[in-house]
Amino acid sequence: MNIRNLYTRAISFFVIIFCFACERTDLQTIIIGGDLIDDATVMCYADTFDIEIETHYRDSLFTKNGAYFLVGYVDEGEEIGQTRTTTYTQLSIGSEEAVNFDDRTLDSISLSLALEKTSLYGDTTQELTLEVYELIEDIQGDSADYYSTDEVKYADTPIGTRTFKVSDITTDTVDIKLDSLFGVKIIEGAEYANQEEFAKTIKGLAIKVKDSQSPAWAGKYSLENFGTVVTMNMHYFGESEEDTLRDVYYFGFNQRFNNINYTPGTLTENIKVGDVVKSEDSNNLGFVFEGTGMVARIKFPSLINLMKKEDGTLREVHINKADLAVTAVGPTDEGYKIYPASNLPPPSGLYFGFMNEDGTLQTISSESSQYRLLQAQFPSSGDHQISYNSNTQTYTWAKLAQYLQERTFREAEGLPLDDDGLVLLPNQQSSSIRKLVFAGDKNDLLHPLNGQPMKMRLIVYYAVFNDPTYNCK
């Protein structure tokens, strides 16, 4: 088969599709443009494919130097479990080569956290107590990686604390007053030649929930604006003590990472790092848990039979469109019928990653921890997420056609495949803790809105050329 010729036919075919009206004559065969299209061309669709979903529990997540601090404590019930998060961070003196606090006297020091209210997760009616501790162990620089299971030692006594509800925060900023002794320690250093010298004296902060905190909620605090900052107010004297001058210094944040401690519930307590759980062993459910290495692998069926004739030769087939719909279900609701049980909106989008044959996820390079995404292979589409539809309560992505076409061609030509299947990835796996449960393709759950099956479905629309006797399968 000449692949170039087939693509040329497909492009010509699409031009005709958009130029002429369409008339559907039965449930499977579509005649487009009447007798203006060669009678040897047949349009079909199929939605009876078996799709397997597996849960892969990979190792801990790379969380170093992300765009958010993640702090909180959430209990998602007996089935899902509990998650507690802590942030460890260095302070930064910014781009200045040296800082001099000589002759300064501290007035106050505080930590401000820019709370992203659109990303709250958990019971936001509950109070949350945040505590700030001074680190007593270094966070290493660019030469070291930090993951969601890592920790850094901090002092026994907090240097700042605040108890609040979300409703108490009217300006999207959580302000925490810090112990003046911490500010005095910074000033007593007088002059710091550079960031490295500053970090030797002031190792950084740990921001965590109080150990006795009851389950509440978790928040993300953005570092992409000036709302998250440590502010140090000082004064000094001019020519006389009556001539008092005020000074303010703002510290940013340098090396940092989030620790995410997940205690599994009954659905996942027997799944260990490195495990692969097939759909039939998890009641036809797949798990995508942010804050953990738990992702769902989608095993698409081979489409080679669409192209093979009975005599073993290949027919000309082009996949025009492929839709995948996956339904998020609520494991804490009776019958698993509604997601989520807490009525919190699920994440607005997911991603497709690529899995290797050894179970690892493909990254953009051997030196990078950033995943290679299917959506990024088609940047002109402008659609980089599998979007969530609140009306149908499903995630749908309709740009799988090219991926499946190329994969089927490679299989037909006996060429090695570029991947061993796609993986559903959360869009903020290392800076959020939402938990998603998906219904597998054999699940018999019914949708609460329309009574339709909630199982995973792949719908493929394809064109068959030069084979007028072909019956759509």
Protein backbone atom coordinates (compact mmCIF):
# COMPACT_ATOMS: atom_id res chain seq x y z
CA MET A 1 0.00 0.00 0.00
CA ASN A 2 1.29 3.45 -0.88
CA ILE A 3 0.74 5.60 2.22
CA ARG A 4 1.33 8.85 0.33
CA ASN A 5 -1.37 7.96 -2.20
CA LEU A 6 -3.78 7.09 0.57
CA TYR A 7 -3.26 10.42 2.32
CA THR A 8 -3.76 12.20 -1.04
CA ARG A 9 -7.05 10.36 -1.50
CA ALA A 10 -8.10 11.22 2.04
CA ILE A 11 -7.44 14.94 1.58
CA SER A 12 -9.39 14.97 -1.69
CA PHE A 13 -12.18 13.09 -0.01
CA PHE A 14 -12.44 15.65 2.80
CA VAL A 15 -12.67 18.48 0.26
CA ILE A 16 -15.67 16.79 -1.33
CA ILE A 17 -17.25 16.18 2.07
CA PHE A 18 -17.22 19.86 2.93
CA CYS A 19 -18.41 20.93 -0.51
CA PHE A 20 -21.54 18.81 -0.74
CA ALA A 21 -24.45 17.90 1.45
CA CYS A 22 -24.55 14.65 3.40
CA GLU A 23 -27.41 12.17 3.49
CA ARG A 24 -27.42 9.29 5.95
CA THR A 25 -29.32 6.32 4.50
CA ASP A 26 -28.95 3.81 7.34
CA LEU A 27 -27.26 3.35 10.69
CA GLN A 28 -23.91 2.32 9.30
CA THR A 29 -23.44 3.38 5.69
CA ILE A 30 -23.38 7.06 4.68
CA ILE A 31 -23.54 8.14 1.04
CA ILE A 32 -22.03 11.61 0.73
CA GLY A 33 -22.88 13.96 -2.11
CA GLY A 34 -25.05 11.34 -3.87
CA ASP A 35 -23.72 10.25 -7.28
CA LEU A 36 -21.02 12.92 -7.14
CA ILE A 37 -18.94 10.48 -5.06
CA ASP A 38 -17.53 7.30 -6.54
CA ASP A 39 -19.86 4.43 -5.64
CA ALA A 40 -16.79 2.47 -4.62
CA THR A 41 -16.32 4.74 -1.59
CA VAL A 42 -18.14 3.73 1.60
CA MET A 43 -18.36 5.67 4.87
CA CYS A 44 -18.74 3.68 8.10
CA TYR A 45 -18.60 3.99 11.82
CA ALA A 46 -18.02 1.44 14.57
CA ASP A 47 -18.44 1.67 18.34
CA THR A 48 -18.21 -1.97 19.45
CA PHE A 49 -14.49 -2.03 20.20
CA ASP A 50 -13.22 -3.66 23.37
CA ILE A 51 -11.06 -1.16 25.27
CA GLU A 52 -9.06 -2.25 28.28
CA ILE A 53 -8.25 0.11 31.14
CA GLU A 54 -5.42 -0.68 33.53
CA THR A 55 -4.27 1.14 36.64
CA HIS A 56 -0.51 1.62 36.77
CA TYR A 57 0.97 2.73 40.07
CA ARG A 58 4.21 4.41 39.15
CA ASP A 59 6.80 5.71 41.58
CA SER A 60 6.56 9.04 43.42
CA LEU A 61 6.12 12.25 41.41
CA PHE A 62 8.73 14.85 40.57
CA THR A 63 7.52 17.99 42.39
CA LYS A 64 10.56 20.26 42.45
CA ASN A 65 10.22 23.95 41.53
CA GLY A 66 6.58 23.87 40.48
CA ALA A 67 4.33 26.92 40.08
CA TYR A 68 2.36 26.28 43.29
CA PHE A 69 2.76 25.62 46.98
CA LEU A 70 0.35 22.81 47.92
CA VAL A 71 -0.76 22.62 51.56
CA GLY A 72 -3.74 20.93 53.19
CA TYR A 73 -5.37 17.79 54.57
CA VAL A 74 -8.31 16.04 52.88
CA ASP A 75 -10.27 12.92 53.82
CA GLU A 76 -12.16 11.52 50.80
CA GLY A 77 -13.87 8.68 52.58
CA GLU A 78 -13.23 5.04 53.31
CA GLU A 79 -12.93 4.04 49.65
CA ILE A 80 -10.53 6.76 48.43
CA GLY A 81 -8.47 7.59 51.54
CA GLN A 82 -6.67 10.64 52.92
CA THR A 83 -4.08 13.07 51.57
CA ARG A 84 -1.85 15.46 53.52
CA THR A 85 0.44 17.93 51.74
CA THR A 86 3.41 20.05 52.87
CA THR A 87 5.61 22.60 51.07
CA TYR A 88 9.35 23.00 51.61
CA THR A 89 11.02 26.08 50.16
CA GLN A 90 14.14 28.21 50.22
CA LEU A 91 13.82 31.98 50.44
CA SER A 92 15.33 33.99 47.62
CA ILE A 93 17.06 37.36 47.66
CA GLY A 94 16.18 37.70 43.99
CA SER A 95 18.53 38.83 41.27
CA GLU A 96 20.57 41.04 43.57
CA GLU A 97 24.18 39.95 43.88
CA ALA A 98 24.41 41.13 47.47
CA VAL A 99 22.04 42.25 50.23
CA ASN A 100 23.05 44.45 53.15
CA PHE A 101 20.87 44.85 56.25
CA ASP A 102 23.49 46.80 58.19
CA ASP A 103 21.98 49.36 60.63
CA ARG A 104 18.44 47.99 60.04
CA THR A 105 16.06 47.27 62.91
CA LEU A 106 13.21 44.81 62.43
CA ASP A 107 9.63 46.01 62.82
CA SER A 108 7.77 42.91 61.58
CA ILE A 109 8.02 39.94 59.23
CA SER A 110 5.20 37.99 57.58
CA LEU A 111 4.45 35.34 54.97
CA SER A 112 1.72 36.01 52.39
CA LEU A 113 0.25 33.14 50.35
CA ALA A 114 -1.81 33.82 47.19
CA LEU A 115 -4.66 31.32 47.49
CA GLU A 116 -6.12 30.10 44.18
CA LYS A 117 -9.76 29.76 45.19
CA THR A 118 -10.80 28.06 41.95
CA SER A 119 -8.65 25.03 42.81
CA LEU A 120 -9.74 24.31 46.38
CA TYR A 121 -10.36 20.64 47.13
CA GLY A 122 -12.14 19.11 50.11
CA ASP A 123 -14.60 20.43 52.69
CA THR A 124 -14.09 24.19 52.46
CA THR A 125 -16.55 24.85 55.31
CA GLN A 126 -13.96 23.55 57.78
CA GLU A 127 -11.19 25.52 59.48
CA LEU A 128 -7.61 24.85 58.45
CA THR A 129 -4.58 25.61 60.62
CA LEU A 130 -1.37 26.36 58.72
CA GLU A 131 1.97 26.32 60.52
CA VAL A 132 5.30 27.71 59.31
CA TYR A 133 8.61 26.23 60.48
CA GLU A 134 12.22 27.18 59.84
CA LEU A 135 14.21 24.53 57.98
CA ILE A 136 17.29 23.09 59.69
CA GLU A 137 18.37 21.03 56.68
CA ASP A 138 19.42 22.27 53.24
CA ILE A 139 17.32 21.95 50.11
CA GLN A 140 19.83 21.05 47.42
CA GLY A 141 20.16 23.07 44.24
CA ASP A 142 19.84 22.12 40.58
CA SER A 143 21.96 19.00 41.01
CA ALA A 144 19.31 17.26 43.15
CA ASP A 145 15.76 16.14 42.33
CA TYR A 146 12.90 16.14 44.81
CA TYR A 147 9.80 13.97 44.67
CA SER A 148 6.43 13.81 46.39
CA THR A 149 7.73 11.43 49.07
CA ASP A 150 10.77 13.53 50.04
CA GLU A 151 11.04 15.57 53.23
CA VAL A 152 13.46 18.08 54.77
CA LYS A 153 14.05 18.48 58.51
CA TYR A 154 12.62 21.54 60.22
CA ALA A 155 12.68 23.00 63.75
CA ASP A 156 10.40 21.69 66.51
CA THR A 157 8.58 24.97 67.14
CA PRO A 158 6.60 26.91 64.51
CA ILE A 159 7.56 30.50 63.77
CA GLY A 160 4.07 31.34 62.52
CA THR A 161 0.55 29.94 62.56
CA ARG A 162 -2.93 30.86 61.36
CA THR A 163 -6.33 29.19 61.64
CA PHE A 164 -8.94 30.26 59.09
CA LYS A 165 -11.79 29.27 56.80
CA VAL A 166 -11.92 29.97 53.09
CA SER A 167 -14.71 32.47 53.76
CA ASP A 168 -12.31 34.47 55.98
CA ILE A 169 -10.05 35.23 53.01
CA THR A 170 -11.58 38.17 51.16
CA THR A 171 -8.51 39.27 49.19
CA ASP A 172 -7.28 35.83 47.99
CA THR A 173 -4.21 36.26 50.18
CA VAL A 174 -3.50 34.37 53.40
CA ASP A 175 -1.23 36.46 55.66
CA ILE A 176 0.71 34.72 58.44
CA LYS A 177 2.70 36.78 60.94
CA LEU A 178 6.13 35.26 61.61
CA ASP A 179 8.15 35.30 64.82
CA SER A 180 10.30 38.42 65.04
CA LEU A 181 13.28 36.29 66.11
CA PHE A 182 13.33 34.80 62.61
CA GLY A 183 13.55 38.29 61.11
CA VAL A 184 16.24 39.29 63.59
CA LYS A 185 18.25 36.23 62.53
CA ILE A 186 18.11 37.41 58.91
CA ILE A 187 19.17 40.96 59.79
CA GLU A 188 21.96 39.86 62.09
CA GLY A 189 23.67 38.35 59.09
CA ALA A 190 24.03 41.99 57.97
CA GLU A 191 25.39 41.35 54.48
CA TYR A 192 24.94 38.38 52.13
CA ALA A 193 27.19 38.25 49.09
CA ASN A 194 24.81 36.09 47.03
CA GLN A 195 21.94 33.58 47.17
CA GLU A 196 24.23 30.70 48.07
CA GLU A 197 25.62 32.53 51.10
CA PHE A 198 22.13 33.58 52.20
CA ALA A 199 20.87 29.95 52.01
CA LYS A 200 23.68 28.80 54.30
CA THR A 201 22.28 30.99 57.08
CA ILE A 202 18.56 30.95 56.24
CA LYS A 203 17.81 27.47 54.91
CA GLY A 204 14.13 28.09 54.23
CA LEU A 205 10.61 27.33 55.43
CA ALA A 206 8.26 24.39 55.81
CA ILE A 207 4.56 25.23 55.39
CA LYS A 208 2.24 22.51 56.67
CA VAL A 209 -1.05 21.81 58.40
CA LYS A 210 -1.10 21.30 62.15
CA ASP A 211 -0.48 17.68 63.16
CA SER A 212 -3.76 17.54 65.10
CA GLN A 213 -5.71 19.05 62.19
CA SER A 214 -8.99 17.29 61.44
CA PRO A 215 -9.71 16.62 57.74
CA ALA A 216 -10.63 19.80 55.91
CA TRP A 217 -9.37 20.98 52.52
CA ALA A 218 -6.23 21.60 50.48
CA GLY A 219 -5.24 24.81 48.73
CA LYS A 220 -2.86 25.79 45.96
CA TYR A 221 -0.86 28.98 46.45
CA SER A 222 0.39 30.55 43.24
CA LEU A 223 3.98 31.69 42.77
CA GLU A 224 3.25 33.31 39.42
CA ASN A 225 2.33 36.69 40.89
CA PHE A 226 3.62 38.85 43.70
CA GLY A 227 0.93 37.71 46.16
CA THR A 228 3.09 34.92 47.59
CA VAL A 229 6.02 36.59 49.33
CA VAL A 230 7.84 37.04 52.64
CA THR A 231 7.74 40.71 53.67
CA MET A 232 10.21 42.16 56.16
CA ASN A 233 9.48 45.67 57.49
CA MET A 234 12.44 47.54 59.01
CA HIS A 235 13.53 50.99 60.06
CA TYR A 236 16.82 52.79 60.41
CA PHE A 237 17.99 56.24 61.46
CA GLY A 238 19.24 59.08 59.34
CA GLU A 239 21.55 61.75 60.67
CA SER A 240 19.81 61.61 64.06
CA GLU A 241 17.52 59.24 65.95
CA GLU A 242 14.69 61.67 65.30
CA ASP A 243 15.20 61.06 61.57
CA THR A 244 13.60 57.60 61.30
CA LEU A 245 13.43 56.00 57.86
CA ARG A 246 11.35 52.98 56.85
CA ASP A 247 12.51 50.13 54.66
CA VAL A 248 10.74 47.06 53.24
CA TYR A 249 12.39 43.98 51.79
CA TYR A 250 10.57 41.24 49.87
CA PHE A 251 11.86 37.69 49.69
CA GLY A 252 10.81 35.39 46.88
CA PHE A 253 11.32 31.63 46.74
CA ASN A 254 14.14 29.62 45.23
CA GLN A 255 14.50 25.81 45.34
CA ARG A 256 11.25 24.21 46.54
CA PHE A 257 9.08 21.09 46.36
CA ASN A 258 5.78 19.66 47.59
CA ASN A 259 5.51 16.59 49.78
CA ILE A 260 2.27 14.65 49.13
CA ASN A 261 1.42 11.92 51.64
CA TYR A 262 -1.41 9.68 50.42
CA THR A 263 -3.01 7.10 52.72
CA PRO A 264 -5.06 4.77 50.47
CA GLY A 265 -8.65 3.69 51.05
CA THR A 266 -10.27 0.32 50.47
CA LEU A 267 -10.34 0.71 46.67
CA THR A 268 -6.59 1.15 46.38
CA GLU A 269 -5.06 -0.16 49.62
CA ASN A 270 -3.76 -3.30 47.93
CA ILE A 271 -2.21 -1.44 44.97
CA LYS A 272 1.51 -0.93 45.54
CA VAL A 273 4.08 1.10 43.63
CA GLY A 274 5.00 -0.86 40.51
CA ASP A 275 1.69 -2.75 40.36
CA VAL A 276 -0.44 -3.05 37.23
CA VAL A 277 -4.11 -3.68 38.00
CA LYS A 278 -6.33 -4.90 35.18
CA SER A 279 -9.92 -3.72 34.88
CA GLU A 280 -11.41 -7.10 35.80
CA ASP A 281 -9.42 -7.06 39.05
CA SER A 282 -10.76 -3.63 40.09
CA ASN A 283 -14.49 -4.08 39.42
CA ASN A 284 -14.02 -2.57 35.94
CA LEU A 285 -12.68 0.69 37.32
CA GLY A 286 -9.55 2.67 36.52
CA PHE A 287 -7.88 5.20 38.82
CA VAL A 288 -6.25 8.54 38.00
CA PHE A 289 -5.13 10.06 41.31
CA GLU A 290 -3.41 13.43 41.30
CA GLY A 291 -0.64 13.68 43.85
CA THR A 292 0.27 10.02 43.36
CA GLY A 293 1.83 8.02 40.56
CA MET A 294 -1.50 6.29 39.89
CA VAL A 295 -2.56 6.64 36.24
CA ALA A 296 -4.92 4.78 33.89
CA ARG A 297 -3.56 3.12 30.78
CA ILE A 298 -5.91 2.88 27.79
CA LYS A 299 -5.30 -0.22 25.66
CA PHE A 300 -6.92 0.39 22.27
CA PRO A 301 -7.85 -2.61 20.12
CA SER A 302 -6.04 -3.29 16.88
CA LEU A 303 -7.86 -1.76 13.91
CA ILE A 304 -5.96 -3.86 11.39
CA ASN A 305 -9.09 -5.93 10.64
CA LEU A 306 -10.73 -2.82 9.18
CA MET A 307 -8.00 -2.82 6.55
CA LYS A 308 -7.53 -6.54 5.89
CA LYS A 309 -9.46 -8.32 3.19
CA GLU A 310 -10.38 -11.99 3.44
CA ASP A 311 -7.47 -12.93 1.18
CA GLY A 312 -5.02 -11.15 3.49
CA THR A 313 -4.40 -8.16 1.23
CA LEU A 314 -5.06 -4.65 2.47
CA ARG A 315 -7.90 -2.40 1.43
CA GLU A 316 -7.63 1.38 1.34
CA VAL A 317 -9.08 2.74 4.58
CA HIS A 318 -8.80 6.18 6.11
CA ILE A 319 -9.86 6.95 9.68
CA ASN A 320 -11.66 10.29 9.45
CA LYS A 321 -12.57 10.75 13.09
CA ALA A 322 -12.16 8.90 16.37
CA ASP A 323 -13.92 9.85 19.61
CA LEU A 324 -13.04 8.47 23.03
CA ALA A 325 -15.46 9.08 25.90
CA VAL A 326 -14.60 8.14 29.48
CA THR A 327 -16.95 8.61 32.42
CA ALA A 328 -15.83 9.68 35.88
CA VAL A 329 -17.83 7.88 38.57
CA GLY A 330 -18.32 8.49 42.29
CA PRO A 331 -17.07 5.52 44.30
CA THR A 332 -18.56 6.86 47.53
CA ASP A 333 -22.08 7.07 46.09
CA GLU A 334 -24.47 4.17 46.14
CA GLY A 335 -24.20 2.42 42.79
CA TYR A 336 -21.17 4.50 41.75
CA LYS A 337 -23.55 6.65 39.73
CA ILE A 338 -22.59 10.25 40.40
CA TYR A 339 -19.24 11.97 40.37
CA PRO A 340 -18.20 13.49 42.60
CA ALA A 341 -19.92 12.61 45.86
CA SER A 342 -18.97 15.97 47.37
CA ASN A 343 -20.42 17.86 44.36
CA LEU A 344 -17.06 19.51 43.76
CA PRO A 345 -16.41 19.98 40.05
CA PRO A 346 -13.88 17.52 38.61
CA PRO A 347 -10.76 18.82 36.83
CA SER A 348 -11.61 20.70 33.65
CA GLY A 349 -9.26 18.61 31.55
CA LEU A 350 -6.97 15.61 31.29
CA TYR A 351 -4.04 14.70 29.06
CA PHE A 352 -2.95 11.67 27.08
CA GLY A 353 0.59 10.50 27.72
CA PHE A 354 2.47 7.65 26.03
CA MET A 355 3.46 4.44 27.81
CA ASN A 356 6.56 2.46 26.92
CA GLU A 357 6.60 -1.32 26.77
CA ASP A 358 8.40 -1.49 30.13
CA GLY A 359 5.60 0.49 31.84
CA THR A 360 7.43 3.82 32.03
CA LEU A 361 5.95 7.03 30.68
CA GLN A 362 7.60 8.79 27.77
CA THR A 363 9.19 12.18 28.48
CA ILE A 364 10.12 14.90 26.00
CA SER A 365 13.80 13.97 26.42
CA SER A 366 15.96 11.58 28.43
CA GLU A 367 17.04 14.45 30.69
CA SER A 368 13.52 15.80 31.29
CA SER A 369 10.80 14.85 33.78
CA GLN A 370 8.14 16.50 31.59
CA TYR A 371 5.79 13.99 29.98
CA ARG A 372 5.40 13.75 26.21
CA LEU A 373 1.72 14.41 25.48
CA LEU A 374 -0.40 13.25 22.56
CA GLN A 375 -2.11 16.63 22.30
CA ALA A 376 1.25 18.35 21.87
CA GLN A 377 1.83 16.36 18.67
CA PHE A 378 -0.93 18.43 17.01
CA PRO A 379 -0.28 22.02 18.19
CA SER A 380 -2.27 23.53 15.33
CA SER A 381 -5.46 22.09 16.78
CA GLY A 382 -5.33 24.50 19.69
CA ASP A 383 -6.89 21.79 21.85
CA HIS A 384 -4.40 20.52 24.39
CA GLN A 385 -6.77 18.89 26.88
CA ILE A 386 -9.36 16.16 27.04
CA SER A 387 -12.16 18.42 28.16
CA TYR A 388 -14.88 17.63 30.68
CA ASN A 389 -18.52 18.07 29.65
CA SER A 390 -20.66 18.81 32.70
CA ASN A 391 -23.87 18.05 30.79
CA THR A 392 -22.92 14.49 29.89
CA GLN A 393 -20.46 14.05 32.80
CA THR A 394 -17.86 12.61 30.45
CA TYR A 395 -14.35 13.45 29.28
CA THR A 396 -14.17 13.37 25.49
CA TRP A 397 -11.33 13.83 23.04
CA ALA A 398 -12.02 13.62 19.32
CA LYS A 399 -8.55 14.03 17.82
CA LEU A 400 -7.42 10.43 18.03
CA ALA A 401 -7.88 9.73 14.32
CA GLN A 402 -4.34 10.55 13.21
CA TYR A 403 -2.82 8.63 16.12
CA LEU A 404 -4.90 5.52 15.35
CA GLN A 405 -4.30 5.85 11.58
CA GLU A 406 -0.52 6.01 11.96
CA ARG A 407 -0.52 3.23 14.54
CA THR A 408 -2.58 0.95 12.28
CA PHE A 409 -0.33 1.68 9.28
CA ARG A 410 2.76 0.72 11.27
CA GLU A 411 1.08 -2.47 12.38
CA ALA A 412 0.02 -3.29 8.79
CA GLU A 413 3.56 -2.70 7.49
CA GLY A 414 5.15 -4.73 10.29
CA LEU A 415 6.95 -1.68 11.67
CA PRO A 416 7.68 -1.25 15.40
CA LEU A 417 5.11 0.81 17.30
CA ASP A 418 6.15 4.12 18.85
CA ASP A 419 4.41 3.37 22.16
CA ASP A 420 2.59 0.66 24.08
CA GLY A 421 -0.66 2.54 24.55
CA LEU A 422 -1.92 5.86 25.88
CA VAL A 423 -2.19 6.91 29.51
CA LEU A 424 -4.78 9.22 31.07
CA LEU A 425 -2.88 11.88 33.00
CA PRO A 426 -4.27 14.63 35.23
CA ASN A 427 -3.38 18.11 34.05
CA GLN A 428 -1.70 18.97 37.36
CA GLN A 429 -0.48 15.64 38.64
CA SER A 430 2.26 17.01 40.88
CA SER A 431 0.52 20.15 42.19
CA SER A 432 -2.99 18.93 42.99
CA ILE A 433 -4.63 16.01 44.80
CA ARG A 434 -7.95 15.41 43.01
CA LYS A 435 -8.92 11.77 42.62
CA LEU A 436 -10.72 10.41 39.53
CA VAL A 437 -12.27 6.98 39.09
CA PHE A 438 -13.28 5.86 35.59
CA ALA A 439 -15.75 3.23 34.44
CA GLY A 440 -14.10 0.57 32.28
CA ASP A 441 -15.48 -0.68 28.96
CA LYS A 442 -17.25 -3.66 30.58
CA ASN A 443 -18.88 -1.62 33.33
CA ASP A 444 -22.67 -1.94 33.48
CA LEU A 445 -23.30 1.34 35.32
CA LEU A 446 -26.03 3.57 33.92
CA HIS A 447 -25.71 7.32 33.55
CA PRO A 448 -27.94 9.16 36.07
CA LEU A 449 -28.87 11.84 33.52
CA ASN A 450 -29.91 9.78 30.51
CA GLY A 451 -29.81 6.13 31.54
CA GLN A 452 -27.09 5.31 28.98
CA PRO A 453 -24.19 2.99 29.86
CA MET A 454 -21.30 4.81 31.53
CA LYS A 455 -18.64 2.50 30.09
CA MET A 456 -15.67 3.73 28.10
CA ARG A 457 -16.41 4.00 24.37
CA LEU A 458 -14.29 4.42 21.25
CA ILE A 459 -16.23 5.54 18.15
CA VAL A 460 -14.37 5.39 14.84
CA TYR A 461 -15.60 6.95 11.58
CA TYR A 462 -13.72 5.64 8.55
CA ALA A 463 -13.79 5.68 4.75
CA VAL A 464 -13.26 2.59 2.58
CA PHE A 465 -12.03 3.21 -0.98
CA ASN A 466 -12.41 0.99 -4.07
CA ASP A 467 -14.33 -1.77 -2.31
CA PRO A 468 -18.06 -1.24 -3.01
CA THR A 469 -18.99 -4.64 -1.58
CA TYR A 470 -17.52 -3.79 1.83
CA ASN A 471 -19.99 -4.17 4.70
CA CYS A 472 -19.40 -1.83 7.63
CA LYS A 473 -18.43 -3.71 10.77
